[in-house]
Amino acid sequence: MHFSSFDALRPTDLAVLRKILEEVCAERHIAVDQKDAEAIAHDLVNWYLFGVKEPDELKELLKSM
């Protein structure tokens, strides 16, 4: 899945995304520096740029991946 966007991520956006990534990885027992975490981060950023900004919605979308 890849969404194109011309939006730039601000430091506050990155902080939110990092927190969500860490929570999802902890739930799945995945280290943040593992390849599986990279795939999760990729999907997370794509959904965020697509317009999904609520952390709970993002986590729900990632459950199916």
N, C-alpha and C. Protein backbone atom coordinates (compact mmCIF):
# COMPACT_ATOMS: atom_id res chain seq x y z
N MET A 1 0.85 -1.17 0.00
CA MET A 1 0.00 0.00 0.00
C MET A 1 0.89 1.22 0.00
N HIS A 2 0.58 2.17 -0.86
CA HIS A 2 1.35 3.40 -0.91
C HIS A 2 0.42 4.54 -1.29
N PHE A 3 0.39 5.57 -0.46
CA PHE A 3 -0.40 6.76 -0.73
C PHE A 3 0.58 7.89 -1.00
N SER A 4 0.33 8.63 -2.06
CA SER A 4 1.20 9.77 -2.32
C SER A 4 0.62 11.00 -1.66
N SER A 5 1.50 11.83 -1.17
CA SER A 5 1.08 13.04 -0.49
C SER A 5 2.19 14.06 -0.61
N PHE A 6 1.80 15.31 -0.65
CA PHE A 6 2.79 16.38 -0.68
C PHE A 6 2.93 17.01 0.71
N ASP A 7 2.28 16.41 1.70
CA ASP A 7 2.37 16.89 3.07
C ASP A 7 3.74 16.55 3.64
N ALA A 8 4.25 17.45 4.45
CA ALA A 8 5.49 17.19 5.17
C ALA A 8 5.15 16.80 6.60
N LEU A 9 5.90 15.90 7.15
CA LEU A 9 5.71 15.51 8.54
C LEU A 9 6.49 16.46 9.43
N ARG A 10 5.81 17.00 10.41
CA ARG A 10 6.43 17.90 11.38
C ARG A 10 6.96 17.07 12.56
N PRO A 11 7.81 17.66 13.37
CA PRO A 11 8.32 16.94 14.54
C PRO A 11 7.20 16.40 15.44
N THR A 12 6.11 17.16 15.59
CA THR A 12 5.00 16.68 16.42
C THR A 12 4.34 15.46 15.78
N ASP A 13 4.24 15.45 14.45
CA ASP A 13 3.69 14.28 13.75
C ASP A 13 4.58 13.07 13.98
N LEU A 14 5.88 13.28 13.85
CA LEU A 14 6.82 12.17 14.04
C LEU A 14 6.77 11.62 15.46
N ALA A 15 6.59 12.50 16.42
CA ALA A 15 6.49 12.05 17.82
C ALA A 15 5.26 11.18 18.02
N VAL A 16 4.14 11.59 17.43
CA VAL A 16 2.91 10.80 17.54
C VAL A 16 3.09 9.45 16.87
N LEU A 17 3.65 9.46 15.66
CA LEU A 17 3.86 8.21 14.92
C LEU A 17 4.83 7.29 15.65
N ARG A 18 5.86 7.84 16.23
CA ARG A 18 6.84 7.02 16.97
C ARG A 18 6.18 6.35 18.18
N LYS A 19 5.34 7.11 18.88
CA LYS A 19 4.66 6.56 20.06
C LYS A 19 3.74 5.41 19.65
N ILE A 20 3.00 5.60 18.57
CA ILE A 20 2.10 4.55 18.09
C ILE A 20 2.91 3.34 17.66
N LEU A 21 3.99 3.56 16.93
CA LEU A 21 4.84 2.45 16.49
C LEU A 21 5.37 1.66 17.68
N GLU A 22 5.85 2.36 18.69
CA GLU A 22 6.37 1.69 19.87
C GLU A 22 5.28 0.87 20.57
N GLU A 23 4.08 1.42 20.67
CA GLU A 23 2.98 0.70 21.31
C GLU A 23 2.59 -0.55 20.53
N VAL A 24 2.47 -0.41 19.21
CA VAL A 24 2.09 -1.55 18.36
C VAL A 24 3.18 -2.62 18.42
N CYS A 25 4.43 -2.21 18.35
CA CYS A 25 5.53 -3.18 18.41
C CYS A 25 5.56 -3.89 19.76
N ALA A 26 5.32 -3.17 20.83
CA ALA A 26 5.30 -3.78 22.16
C ALA A 26 4.18 -4.81 22.25
N GLU A 27 3.02 -4.48 21.71
CA GLU A 27 1.90 -5.42 21.73
C GLU A 27 2.21 -6.69 20.95
N ARG A 28 2.98 -6.55 19.88
CA ARG A 28 3.32 -7.69 19.02
C ARG A 28 4.65 -8.33 19.40
N HIS A 29 5.30 -7.83 20.43
CA HIS A 29 6.60 -8.33 20.88
C HIS A 29 7.64 -8.27 19.75
N ILE A 30 7.69 -7.10 19.12
CA ILE A 30 8.63 -6.84 18.04
C ILE A 30 9.54 -5.68 18.48
N ALA A 31 10.82 -5.84 18.30
CA ALA A 31 11.74 -4.74 18.59
C ALA A 31 11.59 -3.68 17.50
N VAL A 32 11.66 -2.42 17.90
CA VAL A 32 11.45 -1.32 16.96
C VAL A 32 12.49 -1.31 15.84
N ASP A 33 13.64 -1.91 16.07
CA ASP A 33 14.68 -1.92 15.05
C ASP A 33 14.65 -3.16 14.15
N GLN A 34 13.61 -3.99 14.28
CA GLN A 34 13.48 -5.18 13.44
C GLN A 34 12.81 -4.84 12.11
N LYS A 35 13.01 -5.71 11.14
CA LYS A 35 12.44 -5.52 9.80
C LYS A 35 10.92 -5.45 9.84
N ASP A 36 10.28 -6.25 10.70
CA ASP A 36 8.82 -6.22 10.81
C ASP A 36 8.32 -4.86 11.29
N ALA A 37 9.08 -4.23 12.16
CA ALA A 37 8.71 -2.90 12.65
C ALA A 37 8.81 -1.87 11.52
N GLU A 38 9.77 -2.06 10.64
CA GLU A 38 9.92 -1.16 9.50
C GLU A 38 8.69 -1.21 8.60
N ALA A 39 8.16 -2.39 8.39
CA ALA A 39 6.95 -2.54 7.58
C ALA A 39 5.75 -1.88 8.26
N ILE A 40 5.67 -2.03 9.57
CA ILE A 40 4.58 -1.39 10.32
C ILE A 40 4.71 0.12 10.21
N ALA A 41 5.92 0.64 10.37
CA ALA A 41 6.15 2.08 10.29
C ALA A 41 5.78 2.62 8.92
N HIS A 42 6.11 1.87 7.90
CA HIS A 42 5.78 2.27 6.53
C HIS A 42 4.27 2.42 6.37
N ASP A 43 3.53 1.41 6.80
CA ASP A 43 2.07 1.47 6.71
C ASP A 43 1.50 2.59 7.58
N LEU A 44 2.06 2.77 8.74
CA LEU A 44 1.62 3.81 9.66
C LEU A 44 1.76 5.19 9.03
N VAL A 45 2.90 5.47 8.46
CA VAL A 45 3.13 6.76 7.81
C VAL A 45 2.19 6.94 6.62
N ASN A 46 2.01 5.90 5.83
CA ASN A 46 1.10 6.00 4.69
C ASN A 46 -0.32 6.34 5.13
N TRP A 47 -0.83 5.67 6.15
CA TRP A 47 -2.18 5.95 6.63
C TRP A 47 -2.25 7.38 7.17
N TYR A 48 -1.22 7.81 7.86
CA TYR A 48 -1.19 9.16 8.42
C TYR A 48 -1.25 10.21 7.30
N LEU A 49 -0.44 10.01 6.29
CA LEU A 49 -0.43 10.94 5.15
C LEU A 49 -1.73 10.88 4.35
N PHE A 50 -2.39 9.75 4.39
CA PHE A 50 -3.68 9.60 3.72
C PHE A 50 -4.75 10.40 4.43
N GLY A 51 -4.52 10.71 5.71
CA GLY A 51 -5.48 11.54 6.44
C GLY A 51 -5.97 10.96 7.75
N VAL A 52 -5.56 9.74 8.07
CA VAL A 52 -5.97 9.14 9.33
C VAL A 52 -5.01 9.65 10.40
N LYS A 53 -5.52 10.49 11.30
CA LYS A 53 -4.65 11.15 12.28
C LYS A 53 -4.88 10.67 13.72
N GLU A 54 -6.01 10.04 13.99
CA GLU A 54 -6.32 9.60 15.35
C GLU A 54 -5.53 8.33 15.70
N PRO A 55 -4.78 8.36 16.80
CA PRO A 55 -3.96 7.20 17.17
C PRO A 55 -4.75 5.88 17.26
N ASP A 56 -5.94 5.92 17.85
CA ASP A 56 -6.72 4.69 17.98
C ASP A 56 -7.15 4.15 16.61
N GLU A 57 -7.49 5.04 15.70
CA GLU A 57 -7.86 4.61 14.34
C GLU A 57 -6.67 3.99 13.63
N LEU A 58 -5.50 4.62 13.79
CA LEU A 58 -4.30 4.09 13.17
C LEU A 58 -3.97 2.70 13.70
N LYS A 59 -4.06 2.54 15.01
CA LYS A 59 -3.79 1.22 15.59
C LYS A 59 -4.77 0.18 15.07
N GLU A 60 -6.03 0.56 14.93
CA GLU A 60 -7.04 -0.37 14.43
C GLU A 60 -6.73 -0.78 13.00
N LEU A 61 -6.34 0.16 12.16
CA LEU A 61 -5.97 -0.15 10.78
C LEU A 61 -4.77 -1.08 10.70
N LEU A 62 -3.84 -0.90 11.62
CA LEU A 62 -2.63 -1.73 11.61
C LEU A 62 -2.89 -3.15 12.10
N LYS A 63 -3.98 -3.36 12.83
CA LYS A 63 -4.29 -4.70 13.33
C LYS A 63 -4.48 -5.69 12.20
N SER A 64 -5.03 -5.22 11.09
CA SER A 64 -5.33 -6.14 9.99
C SER A 64 -4.10 -6.38 9.11
N MET A 65 -2.98 -5.78 9.43
CA MET A 65 -1.79 -5.92 8.59
C MET A 65 -0.76 -6.77 9.26
